[in-house]
Amino acid sequence: MLAVRARQDVPMLTKVIMFIKLTNASPVHRGKAIAIKKDLIVSVYRNAIVRDDGLVEEVTHVFVPPHGTWEVQEPYDDVLAQLM
């Protein structure tokens, strides 16, 4: 029987996460989970928007062409951390 030893100079494989998980902030779908493929995201920015009822809300926008821009509840820094 041949014994196989792990080589010390070979790095361990790491799990590649292809999606980020966010929470929808648009009034119609508020609170619903969104999974967006990382390599499709073009830009992320924070913005104050005025809702139809006059309420001003801070949301993070995630631009994913050609699908559009998602409004999410997570802070800008949290979204960027998931993309790293």
N, C-alpha and C. Protein backbone atom coordinates (compact mmCIF):
# COMPACT_ATOMS: atom_id res chain seq x y z
N MET A 1 0.85 -1.17 0.00
CA MET A 1 0.00 0.00 0.00
C MET A 1 0.90 1.24 0.00
N LEU A 2 0.53 2.23 -0.79
CA LEU A 2 1.30 3.46 -0.91
C LEU A 2 0.65 4.55 -0.06
N ALA A 3 1.42 5.15 0.80
CA ALA A 3 0.92 6.24 1.65
C ALA A 3 1.14 7.56 0.92
N VAL A 4 0.13 8.45 0.94
CA VAL A 4 0.23 9.76 0.29
C VAL A 4 0.22 10.82 1.37
N ARG A 5 1.25 11.67 1.36
CA ARG A 5 1.33 12.75 2.33
C ARG A 5 1.03 14.07 1.64
N ALA A 6 0.39 14.96 2.35
CA ALA A 6 0.11 16.30 1.80
C ALA A 6 1.40 17.09 1.72
N ARG A 7 1.63 17.75 0.61
CA ARG A 7 2.82 18.58 0.46
C ARG A 7 2.63 19.88 1.22
N GLN A 8 3.64 20.31 1.88
CA GLN A 8 3.57 21.54 2.67
C GLN A 8 3.57 22.79 1.81
N ASP A 9 4.13 22.71 0.58
CA ASP A 9 4.24 23.90 -0.26
C ASP A 9 3.03 24.12 -1.18
N VAL A 10 2.04 23.25 -1.09
CA VAL A 10 0.84 23.38 -1.93
C VAL A 10 -0.25 24.09 -1.11
N PRO A 11 -0.73 25.26 -1.60
CA PRO A 11 -1.75 25.98 -0.84
C PRO A 11 -3.08 25.24 -0.85
N MET A 12 -3.84 25.44 0.20
CA MET A 12 -5.18 24.85 0.28
C MET A 12 -6.10 25.57 -0.69
N LEU A 13 -7.02 24.84 -1.28
CA LEU A 13 -8.01 25.46 -2.16
C LEU A 13 -8.99 26.25 -1.31
N THR A 14 -9.37 27.40 -1.81
CA THR A 14 -10.34 28.21 -1.08
C THR A 14 -11.66 28.21 -1.83
N LYS A 15 -12.72 28.39 -1.12
CA LYS A 15 -14.05 28.44 -1.70
C LYS A 15 -14.24 29.78 -2.40
N VAL A 16 -14.63 29.73 -3.66
CA VAL A 16 -14.87 30.94 -4.43
C VAL A 16 -16.35 31.28 -4.34
N ILE A 17 -16.64 32.47 -3.85
CA ILE A 17 -18.04 32.90 -3.73
C ILE A 17 -18.34 33.80 -4.92
N MET A 18 -19.32 33.38 -5.73
CA MET A 18 -19.63 34.10 -6.96
C MET A 18 -20.75 35.11 -6.80
N PHE A 19 -21.53 35.01 -5.74
CA PHE A 19 -22.68 35.89 -5.55
C PHE A 19 -22.55 36.66 -4.24
N ILE A 20 -23.16 37.85 -4.22
CA ILE A 20 -23.30 38.56 -2.95
C ILE A 20 -24.79 38.53 -2.60
N LYS A 21 -25.07 38.46 -1.31
CA LYS A 21 -26.45 38.41 -0.84
C LYS A 21 -26.79 39.75 -0.22
N LEU A 22 -27.86 40.37 -0.73
CA LEU A 22 -28.28 41.69 -0.29
C LEU A 22 -29.77 41.66 0.04
N THR A 23 -30.28 42.80 0.55
CA THR A 23 -31.69 42.92 0.90
C THR A 23 -32.31 44.06 0.11
N ASN A 24 -33.39 43.76 -0.59
CA ASN A 24 -34.06 44.75 -1.44
C ASN A 24 -34.58 45.92 -0.61
N ALA A 25 -34.41 47.14 -1.14
CA ALA A 25 -34.88 48.34 -0.44
C ALA A 25 -36.01 49.04 -1.19
N SER A 26 -36.35 48.55 -2.39
CA SER A 26 -37.44 49.21 -3.13
C SER A 26 -38.76 48.96 -2.41
N PRO A 27 -39.66 49.94 -2.42
CA PRO A 27 -40.91 49.81 -1.66
C PRO A 27 -41.72 48.57 -2.00
N VAL A 28 -41.75 48.17 -3.24
CA VAL A 28 -42.57 47.02 -3.66
C VAL A 28 -42.00 45.69 -3.15
N HIS A 29 -40.68 45.59 -3.07
CA HIS A 29 -40.03 44.32 -2.69
C HIS A 29 -39.19 44.45 -1.42
N ARG A 30 -39.45 45.43 -0.61
CA ARG A 30 -38.65 45.71 0.60
C ARG A 30 -38.50 44.46 1.47
N GLY A 31 -37.24 44.20 1.86
CA GLY A 31 -36.96 43.09 2.77
C GLY A 31 -36.69 41.75 2.10
N LYS A 32 -36.95 41.64 0.82
CA LYS A 32 -36.71 40.37 0.12
C LYS A 32 -35.23 40.23 -0.23
N ALA A 33 -34.74 39.01 -0.15
CA ALA A 33 -33.33 38.74 -0.43
C ALA A 33 -33.04 38.85 -1.93
N ILE A 34 -31.84 39.35 -2.24
CA ILE A 34 -31.36 39.44 -3.62
C ILE A 34 -29.97 38.80 -3.64
N ALA A 35 -29.72 37.95 -4.63
CA ALA A 35 -28.38 37.41 -4.86
C ALA A 35 -27.93 37.91 -6.22
N ILE A 36 -26.80 38.61 -6.24
CA ILE A 36 -26.29 39.20 -7.48
C ILE A 36 -24.91 38.62 -7.76
N LYS A 37 -24.70 38.19 -8.99
CA LYS A 37 -23.40 37.63 -9.39
C LYS A 37 -22.36 38.75 -9.39
N LYS A 38 -21.27 38.53 -8.66
CA LYS A 38 -20.25 39.56 -8.45
C LYS A 38 -19.68 40.14 -9.74
N ASP A 39 -19.38 39.28 -10.71
CA ASP A 39 -18.69 39.77 -11.90
C ASP A 39 -19.59 40.57 -12.84
N LEU A 40 -20.88 40.67 -12.54
CA LEU A 40 -21.79 41.48 -13.36
C LEU A 40 -21.94 42.91 -12.82
N ILE A 41 -21.50 43.15 -11.59
CA ILE A 41 -21.67 44.47 -10.97
C ILE A 41 -20.66 45.45 -11.55
N VAL A 42 -21.18 46.59 -12.02
CA VAL A 42 -20.34 47.63 -12.62
C VAL A 42 -20.03 48.73 -11.61
N SER A 43 -21.03 49.14 -10.83
CA SER A 43 -20.78 50.20 -9.85
C SER A 43 -21.71 50.06 -8.64
N VAL A 44 -21.25 50.66 -7.53
CA VAL A 44 -22.01 50.68 -6.28
C VAL A 44 -21.91 52.10 -5.74
N TYR A 45 -23.05 52.67 -5.35
CA TYR A 45 -23.01 54.02 -4.78
C TYR A 45 -24.16 54.20 -3.81
N ARG A 46 -23.97 55.14 -2.88
CA ARG A 46 -24.97 55.45 -1.86
C ARG A 46 -25.68 56.73 -2.27
N ASN A 47 -26.98 56.79 -2.01
CA ASN A 47 -27.75 57.95 -2.44
C ASN A 47 -28.97 58.13 -1.54
N ALA A 48 -29.37 59.37 -1.36
CA ALA A 48 -30.62 59.68 -0.67
C ALA A 48 -31.70 59.83 -1.73
N ILE A 49 -32.79 59.10 -1.58
CA ILE A 49 -33.87 59.19 -2.55
C ILE A 49 -35.16 59.58 -1.83
N VAL A 50 -36.03 60.25 -2.56
CA VAL A 50 -37.33 60.67 -2.02
C VAL A 50 -38.38 59.70 -2.53
N ARG A 51 -39.05 59.05 -1.61
CA ARG A 51 -40.10 58.09 -1.95
C ARG A 51 -41.38 58.84 -2.32
N ASP A 52 -42.35 58.12 -2.87
CA ASP A 52 -43.62 58.72 -3.29
C ASP A 52 -44.36 59.41 -2.14
N ASP A 53 -44.18 58.89 -0.93
CA ASP A 53 -44.86 59.48 0.23
C ASP A 53 -44.09 60.67 0.82
N GLY A 54 -42.98 61.07 0.16
CA GLY A 54 -42.19 62.21 0.61
C GLY A 54 -41.07 61.87 1.57
N LEU A 55 -41.00 60.62 2.01
CA LEU A 55 -39.96 60.18 2.93
C LEU A 55 -38.61 60.11 2.21
N VAL A 56 -37.58 60.68 2.82
CA VAL A 56 -36.22 60.61 2.27
C VAL A 56 -35.53 59.41 2.89
N GLU A 57 -34.96 58.56 2.05
CA GLU A 57 -34.33 57.33 2.52
C GLU A 57 -32.94 57.18 1.91
N GLU A 58 -31.96 56.78 2.73
CA GLU A 58 -30.61 56.48 2.26
C GLU A 58 -30.57 55.02 1.82
N VAL A 59 -30.21 54.78 0.57
CA VAL A 59 -30.09 53.41 0.06
C VAL A 59 -28.78 53.29 -0.71
N THR A 60 -28.35 52.06 -0.89
CA THR A 60 -27.19 51.77 -1.73
C THR A 60 -27.71 51.26 -3.06
N HIS A 61 -27.16 51.78 -4.14
CA HIS A 61 -27.53 51.35 -5.48
C HIS A 61 -26.44 50.44 -6.03
N VAL A 62 -26.85 49.32 -6.63
CA VAL A 62 -25.93 48.38 -7.26
C VAL A 62 -26.32 48.31 -8.74
N PHE A 63 -25.43 48.79 -9.60
CA PHE A 63 -25.71 48.84 -11.04
C PHE A 63 -25.21 47.55 -11.70
N VAL A 64 -26.15 46.83 -12.34
CA VAL A 64 -25.87 45.54 -12.96
C VAL A 64 -26.47 45.54 -14.37
N PRO A 65 -25.71 46.06 -15.37
CA PRO A 65 -26.26 46.08 -16.72
C PRO A 65 -26.27 44.68 -17.32
N PRO A 66 -27.20 44.34 -18.17
CA PRO A 66 -28.29 45.16 -18.70
C PRO A 66 -29.55 45.08 -17.84
N HIS A 67 -29.43 44.49 -16.65
CA HIS A 67 -30.60 44.23 -15.81
C HIS A 67 -31.11 45.46 -15.08
N GLY A 68 -30.25 46.45 -14.84
CA GLY A 68 -30.69 47.67 -14.18
C GLY A 68 -29.96 47.94 -12.89
N THR A 69 -30.56 48.78 -12.07
CA THR A 69 -29.97 49.18 -10.79
C THR A 69 -30.85 48.67 -9.66
N TRP A 70 -30.22 48.01 -8.70
CA TRP A 70 -30.94 47.51 -7.54
C TRP A 70 -30.75 48.48 -6.38
N GLU A 71 -31.84 48.75 -5.64
CA GLU A 71 -31.78 49.52 -4.40
C GLU A 71 -31.70 48.50 -3.28
N VAL A 72 -30.64 48.60 -2.45
CA VAL A 72 -30.48 47.64 -1.37
C VAL A 72 -30.32 48.35 -0.03
N GLN A 73 -30.65 47.63 1.04
CA GLN A 73 -30.63 48.20 2.39
C GLN A 73 -29.24 48.22 3.00
N GLU A 74 -28.33 47.35 2.57
CA GLU A 74 -27.00 47.27 3.16
C GLU A 74 -26.21 48.55 2.91
N PRO A 75 -25.42 48.97 3.89
CA PRO A 75 -24.57 50.15 3.70
C PRO A 75 -23.54 49.91 2.59
N TYR A 76 -23.10 50.98 1.98
CA TYR A 76 -22.12 50.96 0.90
C TYR A 76 -20.89 50.11 1.26
N ASP A 77 -20.33 50.36 2.45
CA ASP A 77 -19.11 49.64 2.86
C ASP A 77 -19.34 48.14 2.99
N ASP A 78 -20.53 47.72 3.42
CA ASP A 78 -20.83 46.29 3.53
C ASP A 78 -20.91 45.63 2.16
N VAL A 79 -21.49 46.35 1.18
CA VAL A 79 -21.56 45.82 -0.18
C VAL A 79 -20.16 45.67 -0.75
N LEU A 80 -19.34 46.69 -0.58
CA LEU A 80 -17.95 46.61 -1.09
C LEU A 80 -17.17 45.49 -0.42
N ALA A 81 -17.38 45.27 0.87
CA ALA A 81 -16.69 44.19 1.59
C ALA A 81 -17.06 42.83 0.99
N GLN A 82 -18.32 42.65 0.60
CA GLN A 82 -18.73 41.39 -0.01
C GLN A 82 -18.13 41.18 -1.39
N LEU A 83 -17.83 42.29 -2.06
CA LEU A 83 -17.25 42.19 -3.40
C LEU A 83 -15.76 41.84 -3.36
N MET A 84 -15.10 42.05 -2.24
CA MET A 84 -13.65 41.78 -2.13
C MET A 84 -13.38 40.30 -1.96
